[in-house]
Protein backbone atom coordinates (compact mmCIF):
# COMPACT_ATOMS: atom_id res chain seq x y z
CA MET A 1 118.36 74.85 117.63
CA VAL A 2 115.43 76.64 119.17
CA LEU A 3 113.34 73.42 119.46
CA GLU A 4 116.29 71.84 121.23
CA SER A 5 116.48 74.79 123.66
CA ILE A 6 112.79 74.55 124.39
CA GLY A 7 113.18 70.86 125.06
CA GLN A 8 116.07 71.40 127.45
CA ALA A 9 114.12 74.29 129.06
CA LEU A 10 111.20 72.08 129.66
CA LYS A 11 113.41 69.43 131.30
CA PHE A 12 114.86 72.19 133.48
CA ILE A 13 111.41 73.34 134.46
CA PHE A 14 110.64 69.83 135.70
CA GLU A 15 113.87 69.91 137.64
CA CYS A 16 112.77 73.20 139.34
CA LEU A 17 109.41 71.69 140.23
CA HIS A 18 111.30 68.77 141.68
CA LEU A 19 113.28 71.31 143.92
CA VAL A 20 109.97 72.82 144.97
CA LEU A 21 108.58 69.44 145.97
CA GLU A 22 111.71 68.70 148.02
CA GLU A 23 111.50 72.01 149.78
CA PRO A 24 108.23 74.05 149.09
CA LYS A 25 109.34 77.03 151.11
CA LEU A 26 111.94 77.89 148.18
CA LEU A 27 108.95 79.46 146.42
CA LEU A 28 108.05 81.82 149.29
CA PRO A 29 110.46 84.67 148.34
CA SER A 30 109.46 84.63 144.71
CA PHE A 31 105.84 84.61 145.68
CA CYS A 32 106.32 87.63 147.97
CA ALA A 33 108.23 89.40 145.24
CA VAL A 34 105.34 88.83 142.76
CA ILE A 35 102.55 90.01 145.32
CA LEU A 36 104.57 93.08 146.44
CA GLY A 37 105.75 93.83 142.92
CA ALA A 38 102.06 93.91 141.85
CA LEU A 39 101.09 96.34 144.62
CA ILE A 40 104.07 98.60 144.04
CA GLY A 41 103.62 98.32 140.27
CA ILE A 42 100.23 100.14 140.50
CA VAL A 43 102.04 103.13 141.94
CA VAL A 44 104.80 102.91 139.35
CA ILE A 45 102.17 102.83 136.46
CA ILE A 46 100.41 105.86 137.83
CA PHE A 47 103.70 107.92 138.11
CA GLY A 48 104.73 106.55 134.68
CA ILE A 49 101.41 107.83 133.10
CA LEU A 50 101.79 111.26 134.88
CA PHE A 51 105.46 111.61 133.75
CA ASN A 52 104.41 111.00 130.02
CA VAL A 53 101.36 113.38 130.42
CA PHE A 54 103.50 116.13 131.85
CA SER A 55 106.79 115.42 130.01
CA HIS A 56 106.61 118.84 128.28
CA SER A 57 105.48 120.86 131.14
CA GLY A 58 107.20 122.52 134.24
CA LEU A 59 105.82 119.70 136.40
CA MET A 60 107.95 117.08 134.58
CA PRO A 61 111.01 117.22 136.99
CA PHE A 62 108.58 116.81 139.86
CA PHE A 63 106.98 113.50 138.37
CA LEU A 64 110.39 112.29 137.28
CA VAL A 65 111.67 112.39 140.91
CA PHE A 66 108.57 110.48 142.15
CA LEU A 67 108.78 108.07 139.20
CA PHE A 68 112.39 107.38 139.97
CA ALA A 69 111.62 106.83 143.76
CA ALA A 70 108.68 104.51 142.94
CA LEU A 71 110.76 102.51 140.52
CA LEU A 72 113.80 102.38 142.88
CA VAL A 73 111.52 100.92 145.64
CA SER A 74 110.02 98.46 143.19
CA PHE A 75 113.29 97.20 142.04
CA MET A 76 114.77 97.12 145.59
CA VAL A 77 111.93 94.88 146.80
CA ASN A 78 112.14 92.68 143.79
CA TYR A 79 115.95 92.28 143.84
CA LEU A 80 116.10 91.76 147.61
CA LEU A 81 113.52 88.91 147.47
CA THR A 82 115.14 87.44 144.36
CA ALA A 83 118.40 87.47 146.19
CA VAL A 84 116.73 85.60 149.12
CA ALA A 85 115.41 83.07 146.69
CA SER A 86 118.77 82.76 144.98
CA PHE A 87 120.77 82.13 148.24
CA ALA A 88 118.05 79.68 149.42
CA ILE A 89 118.28 77.67 146.12
CA TYR A 90 122.07 77.77 146.47
CA GLU A 91 121.90 76.27 149.91
CA HIS A 92 119.31 73.68 148.93
CA VAL A 93 121.38 72.45 146.10
CA LYS A 94 124.73 72.56 147.80
CA PHE A 95 123.67 71.21 151.31
CA GLY A 96 120.26 69.55 150.66
CA HIS A 97 118.34 72.06 152.81
CA SER A 98 117.98 75.88 153.14
CA SER A 99 116.98 78.47 155.74
CA LEU A 100 114.97 81.59 154.59
CA GLY A 101 116.26 83.28 157.67
CA LYS A 102 119.75 82.93 156.72
CA ALA A 103 118.99 83.62 153.12
CA PHE A 104 117.45 86.93 154.10
CA ASN A 105 120.25 87.87 156.42
CA ARG A 106 122.75 87.07 153.59
CA ALA A 107 120.75 89.24 151.13
CA MET A 108 120.68 92.16 153.72
CA SER A 109 124.43 91.84 154.24
CA ARG A 110 124.81 92.53 150.52
CA ILE A 111 122.23 95.25 150.39
CA HIS A 112 124.64 97.73 148.95
CA ILE A 113 125.03 95.60 145.87
CA ILE A 114 121.28 95.17 145.62
CA LEU A 115 120.77 99.01 146.02
CA GLY A 116 123.33 99.67 143.29
CA LEU A 117 121.53 97.28 140.90
CA ALA A 118 118.21 98.81 141.75
CA ILE A 119 119.49 102.29 141.00
CA ILE A 120 120.76 101.20 137.63
CA ALA A 121 117.63 99.42 136.74
CA ALA A 122 115.46 102.49 137.74
CA VAL A 123 117.67 104.63 135.45
CA ILE A 124 117.37 102.21 132.63
CA SER A 125 113.60 101.94 133.08
CA ILE A 126 113.25 105.81 132.72
CA VAL A 127 115.61 105.98 129.85
CA VAL A 128 113.57 103.10 128.02
CA ASN A 129 110.28 104.89 128.85
CA SER A 130 111.66 108.06 127.28
CA MET A 131 112.98 106.19 124.20
CA LYS A 132 109.67 104.51 123.67
CA SER A 133 107.93 107.80 124.21
CA SER A 134 110.08 109.43 121.57
CA GLY A 135 109.13 106.73 119.16
CA ARG A 136 105.47 107.36 119.67
CA GLN A 137 105.87 111.10 119.29
CA ARG A 138 107.59 110.49 115.84
CA ASN A 139 110.45 112.85 116.41
CA GLY A 140 111.90 112.26 113.06
CA LEU A 141 111.71 109.12 111.01
CA VAL A 142 114.95 107.47 112.20
CA ILE A 143 114.29 108.27 115.87
CA GLY A 144 110.74 107.16 115.67
CA LEU A 145 111.86 103.85 114.30
CA LEU A 146 114.98 103.09 116.22
CA ALA A 147 114.26 104.52 119.71
CA PRO A 148 111.53 101.86 120.64
CA ILE A 149 113.79 99.09 119.31
CA LEU A 150 116.91 100.20 121.07
CA GLY A 151 114.77 100.81 124.23
CA THR A 152 113.46 97.23 124.16
CA ALA A 153 116.85 95.89 123.60
CA LEU A 154 118.32 97.87 126.50
CA GLN A 155 115.38 96.66 128.77
CA GLU A 156 115.74 93.09 127.81
CA GLY A 157 119.52 93.20 128.04
CA TRP A 158 119.35 94.41 131.47
CA LYS A 159 116.88 91.65 132.45
CA VAL A 160 119.28 89.02 131.45
CA ALA A 161 122.29 90.80 133.07
CA SER A 162 120.48 91.43 136.33
CA SER A 163 119.31 87.78 136.55
CA LEU A 164 122.93 86.74 136.70
CA LEU A 165 124.25 89.76 138.64
CA ILE A 166 121.92 89.02 141.59
CA PRO A 167 123.24 85.48 142.44
CA VAL A 168 126.78 86.70 141.78
CA GLY A 169 126.27 89.64 144.09
CA VAL A 170 124.45 87.92 146.96
CA ILE A 171 126.31 84.55 147.08
CA GLY A 172 129.71 85.93 146.39
CA SER A 173 131.62 88.34 148.52
CA LEU A 174 132.84 90.67 145.76
CA GLY A 175 132.56 94.49 145.63
CA PHE A 176 130.11 96.21 143.33
CA VAL A 177 132.55 96.53 140.33
CA ASP A 178 133.98 93.17 140.74
CA THR A 179 130.52 91.56 140.78
CA PHE A 180 130.03 93.02 137.24
CA LYS A 181 133.45 91.82 136.16
CA ARG A 182 132.62 88.22 137.59
CA ALA A 183 129.08 88.17 135.91
CA PHE A 184 130.76 89.24 132.60
CA GLU A 185 133.26 86.43 132.92
CA ILE A 186 130.64 83.86 133.70
CA ALA A 187 128.55 84.96 130.74
CA ARG A 188 131.41 85.04 128.28
CA ASP A 189 132.56 81.57 129.40
CA ASN A 190 129.06 80.03 129.27
CA ILE A 191 127.55 81.96 126.38
CA VAL A 192 126.10 79.01 124.77
CA LEU A 193 124.48 77.57 127.81
CA ILE A 194 123.13 80.88 128.98
CA GLY A 195 121.95 81.75 125.38
CA ALA A 196 120.21 78.43 124.90
CA GLY A 197 118.72 78.40 128.42
CA GLU A 198 117.51 81.97 128.15
CA VAL A 199 115.73 81.40 124.83
CA GLY A 200 114.01 78.21 125.90
CA ILE A 201 112.98 79.41 129.30
CA ARG A 202 111.71 82.74 127.92
CA ILE A 203 109.58 80.87 125.24
CA LEU A 204 108.26 78.27 127.69
CA THR A 205 107.55 80.74 130.57
CA GLY A 206 105.91 82.98 128.16
CA ILE A 207 103.59 80.19 126.83
CA PHE A 208 102.81 78.89 130.35
CA GLY A 209 102.09 82.49 131.54
CA PHE A 210 99.75 83.19 128.71
CA VAL A 211 97.88 79.85 128.98
CA GLY A 212 97.77 80.08 132.69
CA PHE A 213 96.37 83.71 132.44
CA VAL A 214 93.66 82.73 130.06
CA VAL A 215 92.70 79.55 132.13
CA SER A 216 92.72 81.55 135.32
CA ILE A 217 90.38 84.22 133.79
CA LEU A 218 88.02 81.61 132.40
CA ILE A 219 87.79 79.77 135.79
CA ALA A 220 87.26 83.20 137.52
CA ILE A 221 84.39 83.91 135.06
CA GLY A 222 82.90 80.47 135.89
CA LEU A 223 83.21 81.17 139.63
CA TYR A 224 81.39 84.55 139.16
CA LEU A 225 78.62 82.92 137.12
CA LEU A 226 78.26 80.12 139.68
CA LEU A 227 78.23 82.39 142.75
CA SER A 228 76.56 85.51 141.40
CA GLY A 229 73.13 83.90 141.58
CA LEU A 230 73.60 83.70 145.34
CA ASN A 231 75.27 87.18 145.72
CA THR A 232 76.71 89.36 142.97
CA MET A 233 79.38 90.86 145.30
CA LEU A 234 80.41 87.47 146.64
CA GLY A 235 80.77 86.23 142.91
CA VAL A 236 83.01 89.26 141.98
CA ALA A 237 85.07 88.96 145.08
CA VAL A 238 85.69 85.31 144.88
CA ALA A 239 86.44 85.68 141.03
CA VAL A 240 88.93 88.59 141.47
CA ILE A 241 90.69 86.94 144.37
CA PHE A 242 91.03 83.60 142.54
CA ALA A 243 92.24 85.25 139.40
CA PHE A 244 94.82 87.25 141.16
CA MET A 245 96.18 84.38 143.33
CA ALA A 246 96.22 82.04 140.31
CA ILE A 247 98.02 84.50 138.08
CA SER A 248 100.44 85.34 140.93
CA PHE A 249 101.23 81.69 141.45
CA ILE A 250 101.97 81.05 137.82
CA THR A 251 104.20 84.19 137.69
CA THR A 252 105.96 83.00 140.89
CA LEU A 253 106.78 79.65 139.21
CA ASN A 254 108.07 81.43 136.18
CA GLN A 255 110.27 83.84 138.25
CA PHE A 256 111.47 80.75 140.24
CA VAL A 257 112.63 79.02 137.15
CA ARG A 258 114.60 81.97 135.96
CA THR A 259 116.18 82.65 139.36
CA SER A 260 117.12 78.91 139.63
CA PHE A 261 118.72 78.83 136.15
CA TYR A 262 121.07 81.82 136.83
CA THR A 263 121.79 80.71 140.37
CA LEU A 264 122.96 77.18 139.16
CA ALA A 265 124.93 78.89 136.31
CA TYR A 266 126.77 80.83 138.86
CA MET A 267 127.33 77.92 141.21
CA TRP A 268 128.82 75.79 138.33
CA ALA A 269 131.09 78.58 137.27
CA GLU A 270 132.41 79.10 140.85
CA ASP A 271 132.82 75.31 141.36
CA ARG A 272 135.01 75.18 138.19
CA LEU A 273 137.00 78.19 139.31
CA GLU A 274 137.47 76.79 142.95
CA HIS A 275 138.57 73.36 141.67
CA GLY A 276 140.67 74.85 138.76
CA SER A 277 138.84 72.32 136.44
CA PRO A 278 136.89 73.44 133.33
CA THR A 279 135.40 69.82 133.22
CA MET A 280 134.04 70.00 136.72
CA ALA A 281 130.66 68.34 136.87
CA ALA A 282 127.66 70.51 136.43
CA PRO A 283 124.82 70.61 139.15
CA THR A 284 122.49 67.64 138.78
CA GLN A 285 119.70 69.91 137.60
CA PHE A 286 121.82 71.10 134.68
CA LYS A 287 123.02 67.59 133.88
CA ASN A 288 119.48 66.33 133.67
CA ALA A 289 118.20 69.04 131.75
CA PHE A 290 121.06 70.11 129.38
CA GLY A 291 123.14 66.92 129.33
CA ILE A 292 126.36 68.56 130.56
């Protein structure tokens, strides 16, 4: 079953690459999300460390507020750009072309949904951080063992949920609560597809990400060794810039694959609902990858 999911995910990744070759600008929102996310992530990490250091002091509420604000901005930027990517993918698959300007305007028109999702994500992130911290501090054997596990489960569960909620929220015209209801219905009615796709995509993108990271670092080291003979600072600068851009590009491709998968899952569900037919043909990318 797992091997079958991996094979299907690999086919889907090739389908996503075909989308990019047809319209390269589809990658731009995901690339911006990765770059901005890395920059904002540095601030989040700093406040996260300070929050853990001062968690038992009078300064904890102060750092908690700043950590929440940093997380909120981080998730807002990521979700907004993911929403732009999702709508652009939707337009491309449905009409054969897309407009990033139109996709951005559409995402901004649904900013209240994106803000709501970002608030939930920030709260979950803080809760998960606290649960993992409780595990490290060994506050009792049961809590020490279960807290990190439950925290990781909550974190991963929200990652899957938000991946579907974003296309439902930006492409659809539902309210905040109805967006959750519709996403739940789609997940319930497509549990096998989503489960198999999630497992396969997660495994493959994890492998590609690790291999890409290692190869990028090795090439960066090679560039440093090649150029450092001319100028040490030049070698360092070129190596760091190359490594950052290469890893960012690989991360962009992985994020684009995930966004495409959940966008197409939503499109197929809506097509079946609109036509009142459970046998409505799946998008070409799903048919080629999953044989449905």
